[in-house]
Amino acid sequence: MDIAVDQEILKYCQTHVSDQGYAEDLTQDTFARFFQNFHRYQH
């Protein structure tokens, strides 16, 4: 995944939680869910 996208998601998470480690965990969870459900994507 693009590093810029990763940074944008991390920034978004940081605005909603005060703990840096938790924001990083949320970012990882976002990517994990994306890849787990990628097969469902239709365009």
PDB file of N, CA and C in Angstrom:
ATOM      1  N   MET A   1       0.855  -1.174   0.000  1.00  0.00           N
ATOM      2  CA  MET A   1       0.000   0.000   0.000  1.00  0.00           C
ATOM      3  C   MET A   1       0.897   1.232   0.000  1.00  0.00           C
ATOM      4  N   ASP A   2       0.385   2.274  -0.513  1.00  0.00           N
ATOM      5  CA  ASP A   2       1.105   3.541  -0.626  1.00  0.00           C
ATOM      6  C   ASP A   2       1.420   4.116   0.756  1.00  0.00           C
ATOM      7  N   ILE A   3       2.650   4.570   0.949  1.00  0.00           N
ATOM      8  CA  ILE A   3       3.050   5.144   2.235  1.00  0.00           C
ATOM      9  C   ILE A   3       2.236   6.394   2.538  1.00  0.00           C
ATOM     10  N   ALA A   4       1.922   7.188   1.524  1.00  0.00           N
ATOM     11  CA  ALA A   4       1.127   8.401   1.746  1.00  0.00           C
ATOM     12  C   ALA A   4      -0.256   8.044   2.267  1.00  0.00           C
ATOM     13  N   VAL A   5      -0.842   6.981   1.743  1.00  0.00           N
ATOM     14  CA  VAL A   5      -2.163   6.539   2.219  1.00  0.00           C
ATOM     15  C   VAL A   5      -2.044   6.094   3.667  1.00  0.00           C
ATOM     16  N   ASP A   6      -1.007   5.351   3.975  1.00  0.00           N
ATOM     17  CA  ASP A   6      -0.765   4.892   5.340  1.00  0.00           C
ATOM     18  C   ASP A   6      -0.675   6.080   6.293  1.00  0.00           C
ATOM     19  N   GLN A   7       0.052   7.110   5.901  1.00  0.00           N
ATOM     20  CA  GLN A   7       0.214   8.297   6.744  1.00  0.00           C
ATOM     21  C   GLN A   7      -1.102   9.045   6.928  1.00  0.00           C
ATOM     22  N   GLU A   8      -1.908   9.098   5.877  1.00  0.00           N
ATOM     23  CA  GLU A   8      -3.209   9.773   5.977  1.00  0.00           C
ATOM     24  C   GLU A   8      -4.137   9.037   6.937  1.00  0.00           C
ATOM     25  N   ILE A   9      -4.138   7.720   6.861  1.00  0.00           N
ATOM     26  CA  ILE A   9      -4.972   6.939   7.774  1.00  0.00           C
ATOM     27  C   ILE A   9      -4.469   7.100   9.207  1.00  0.00           C
ATOM     28  N   LEU A  10      -3.156   7.076   9.383  1.00  0.00           N
ATOM     29  CA  LEU A  10      -2.592   7.269  10.721  1.00  0.00           C
ATOM     30  C   LEU A  10      -2.972   8.639  11.276  1.00  0.00           C
ATOM     31  N   LYS A  11      -2.867   9.677  10.466  1.00  0.00           N
ATOM     32  CA  LYS A  11      -3.249  11.027  10.919  1.00  0.00           C
ATOM     33  C   LYS A  11      -4.713  11.064  11.328  1.00  0.00           C
ATOM     34  N   TYR A  12      -5.556  10.419  10.532  1.00  0.00           N
ATOM     35  CA  TYR A  12      -6.985  10.372  10.846  1.00  0.00           C
ATOM     36  C   TYR A  12      -7.202   9.699  12.201  1.00  0.00           C
ATOM     37  N   CYS A  13      -6.543   8.573  12.409  1.00  0.00           N
ATOM     38  CA  CYS A  13      -6.694   7.848  13.674  1.00  0.00           C
ATOM     39  C   CYS A  13      -6.183   8.682  14.847  1.00  0.00           C
ATOM     40  N   GLN A  14      -5.091   9.395  14.637  1.00  0.00           N
ATOM     41  CA  GLN A  14      -4.514  10.218  15.698  1.00  0.00           C
ATOM     42  C   GLN A  14      -5.462  11.340  16.117  1.00  0.00           C
ATOM     43  N   THR A  15      -6.295  11.809  15.201  1.00  0.00           N
ATOM     44  CA  THR A  15      -7.238  12.868  15.572  1.00  0.00           C
ATOM     45  C   THR A  15      -8.386  12.341  16.422  1.00  0.00           C
ATOM     46  N   HIS A  16      -8.568  11.027  16.427  1.00  0.00           N
ATOM     47  CA  HIS A  16      -9.694  10.440  17.160  1.00  0.00           C
ATOM     48  C   HIS A  16      -9.289   9.718  18.437  1.00  0.00           C
ATOM     49  N   VAL A  17      -8.018   9.415  18.595  1.00  0.00           N
ATOM     50  CA  VAL A  17      -7.531   8.789  19.826  1.00  0.00           C
ATOM     51  C   VAL A  17      -6.269   9.517  20.279  1.00  0.00           C
ATOM     52  N   SER A  18      -6.058   9.552  21.573  1.00  0.00           N
ATOM     53  CA  SER A  18      -4.914  10.310  22.088  1.00  0.00           C
ATOM     54  C   SER A  18      -3.650   9.467  22.228  1.00  0.00           C
ATOM     55  N   ASP A  19      -3.768   8.156  22.174  1.00  0.00           N
ATOM     56  CA  ASP A  19      -2.625   7.273  22.352  1.00  0.00           C
ATOM     57  C   ASP A  19      -2.003   6.918  21.000  1.00  0.00           C
ATOM     58  N   GLN A  20      -0.714   7.214  20.829  1.00  0.00           N
ATOM     59  CA  GLN A  20      -0.030   6.974  19.563  1.00  0.00           C
ATOM     60  C   GLN A  20      -0.025   5.490  19.195  1.00  0.00           C
ATOM     61  N   GLY A  21       0.251   4.645  20.165  1.00  0.00           N
ATOM     62  CA  GLY A  21       0.283   3.212  19.900  1.00  0.00           C
ATOM     63  C   GLY A  21      -1.068   2.682  19.447  1.00  0.00           C
ATOM     64  N   TYR A  22      -2.121   3.183  20.061  1.00  0.00           N
ATOM     65  CA  TYR A  22      -3.471   2.761  19.683  1.00  0.00           C
ATOM     66  C   TYR A  22      -3.795   3.242  18.273  1.00  0.00           C
ATOM     67  N   ALA A  23      -3.384   4.448  17.933  1.00  0.00           N
ATOM     68  CA  ALA A  23      -3.600   4.973  16.577  1.00  0.00           C
ATOM     69  C   ALA A  23      -2.879   4.106  15.550  1.00  0.00           C
ATOM     70  N   GLU A  24      -1.669   3.670  15.873  1.00  0.00           N
ATOM     71  CA  GLU A  24      -0.930   2.793  14.967  1.00  0.00           C
ATOM     72  C   GLU A  24      -1.627   1.437  14.828  1.00  0.00           C
ATOM     73  N   ASP A  25      -2.149   0.911  15.933  1.00  0.00           N
ATOM     74  CA  ASP A  25      -2.897  -0.355  15.891  1.00  0.00           C
ATOM     75  C   ASP A  25      -4.142  -0.221  15.017  1.00  0.00           C
ATOM     76  N   LEU A  26      -4.839   0.894  15.146  1.00  0.00           N
ATOM     77  CA  LEU A  26      -6.031   1.127  14.326  1.00  0.00           C
ATOM     78  C   LEU A  26      -5.677   1.199  12.843  1.00  0.00           C
ATOM     79  N   THR A  27      -4.546   1.815  12.553  1.00  0.00           N
ATOM     80  CA  THR A  27      -4.084   1.902  11.163  1.00  0.00           C
ATOM     81  C   THR A  27      -3.808   0.504  10.611  1.00  0.00           C
ATOM     82  N   GLN A  28      -3.131  -0.321  11.394  1.00  0.00           N
ATOM     83  CA  GLN A  28      -2.857  -1.694  10.962  1.00  0.00           C
ATOM     84  C   GLN A  28      -4.155  -2.474  10.780  1.00  0.00           C
ATOM     85  N   ASP A  29      -5.095  -2.294  11.698  1.00  0.00           N
ATOM     86  CA  ASP A  29      -6.383  -2.985  11.593  1.00  0.00           C
ATOM     87  C   ASP A  29      -7.139  -2.570  10.336  1.00  0.00           C
ATOM     88  N   THR A  30      -7.027  -1.295   9.989  1.00  0.00           N
ATOM     89  CA  THR A  30      -7.683  -0.797   8.781  1.00  0.00           C
ATOM     90  C   THR A  30      -7.146  -1.516   7.546  1.00  0.00           C
ATOM     91  N   PHE A  31      -5.822  -1.637   7.452  1.00  0.00           N
ATOM     92  CA  PHE A  31      -5.229  -2.319   6.307  1.00  0.00           C
ATOM     93  C   PHE A  31      -5.543  -3.811   6.318  1.00  0.00           C
ATOM     94  N   ALA A  32      -5.545  -4.417   7.491  1.00  0.00           N
ATOM     95  CA  ALA A  32      -5.857  -5.847   7.587  1.00  0.00           C
ATOM     96  C   ALA A  32      -7.279  -6.105   7.097  1.00  0.00           C
ATOM     97  N   ARG A  33      -8.219  -5.275   7.525  1.00  0.00           N
ATOM     98  CA  ARG A  33      -9.613  -5.447   7.084  1.00  0.00           C
ATOM     99  C   ARG A  33      -9.754  -5.182   5.584  1.00  0.00           C
ATOM    100  N   PHE A  34      -9.035  -4.201   5.097  1.00  0.00           N
ATOM    101  CA  PHE A  34      -9.072  -3.906   3.668  1.00  0.00           C
ATOM    102  C   PHE A  34      -8.648  -5.130   2.858  1.00  0.00           C
ATOM    103  N   PHE A  35      -7.510  -5.714   3.219  1.00  0.00           N
ATOM    104  CA  PHE A  35      -7.003  -6.848   2.453  1.00  0.00           C
ATOM    105  C   PHE A  35      -7.841  -8.109   2.655  1.00  0.00           C
ATOM    106  N   GLN A  36      -8.414  -8.276   3.835  1.00  0.00           N
ATOM    107  CA  GLN A  36      -9.277  -9.434   4.077  1.00  0.00           C
ATOM    108  C   GLN A  36     -10.549  -9.370   3.247  1.00  0.00           C
ATOM    109  N   ASN A  37     -11.014  -8.172   2.957  1.00  0.00           N
ATOM    110  CA  ASN A  37     -12.278  -8.001   2.247  1.00  0.00           C
ATOM    111  C   ASN A  37     -12.109  -7.524   0.802  1.00  0.00           C
ATOM    112  N   PHE A  38     -10.882  -7.476   0.329  1.00  0.00           N
ATOM    113  CA  PHE A  38     -10.617  -6.964  -1.001  1.00  0.00           C
ATOM    114  C   PHE A  38     -11.353  -7.771  -2.080  1.00  0.00           C
ATOM    115  N   HIS A  39     -11.502  -9.045  -1.872  1.00  0.00           N
ATOM    116  CA  HIS A  39     -12.167  -9.904  -2.845  1.00  0.00           C
ATOM    117  C   HIS A  39     -13.642  -9.532  -3.045  1.00  0.00           C
ATOM    118  N   ARG A  40     -14.218  -8.813  -2.088  1.00  0.00           N
ATOM    119  CA  ARG A  40     -15.619  -8.384  -2.188  1.00  0.00           C
ATOM    120  C   ARG A  40     -15.806  -7.109  -3.001  1.00  0.00           C
ATOM    121  N   TYR A  41     -14.713  -6.393  -3.224  1.00  0.00           N
ATOM    122  CA  TYR A  41     -14.782  -5.107  -3.898  1.00  0.00           C
ATOM    123  C   TYR A  41     -15.247  -5.290  -5.345  1.00  0.00           C
ATOM    124  N   GLN A  42     -16.225  -4.487  -5.710  1.00  0.00           N
ATOM    125  CA  GLN A  42     -16.716  -4.482  -7.087  1.00  0.00           C
ATOM    126  C   GLN A  42     -16.675  -3.057  -7.601  1.00  0.00           C
ATOM    127  N   HIS A  43     -16.229  -2.902  -8.827  1.00  0.00           N
ATOM    128  CA  HIS A  43     -16.199  -1.544  -9.407  1.00  0.00           C
ATOM    129  C   HIS A  43     -16.819  -1.550 -10.757  1.00  0.00           C
TER     130      HIS A  43
END
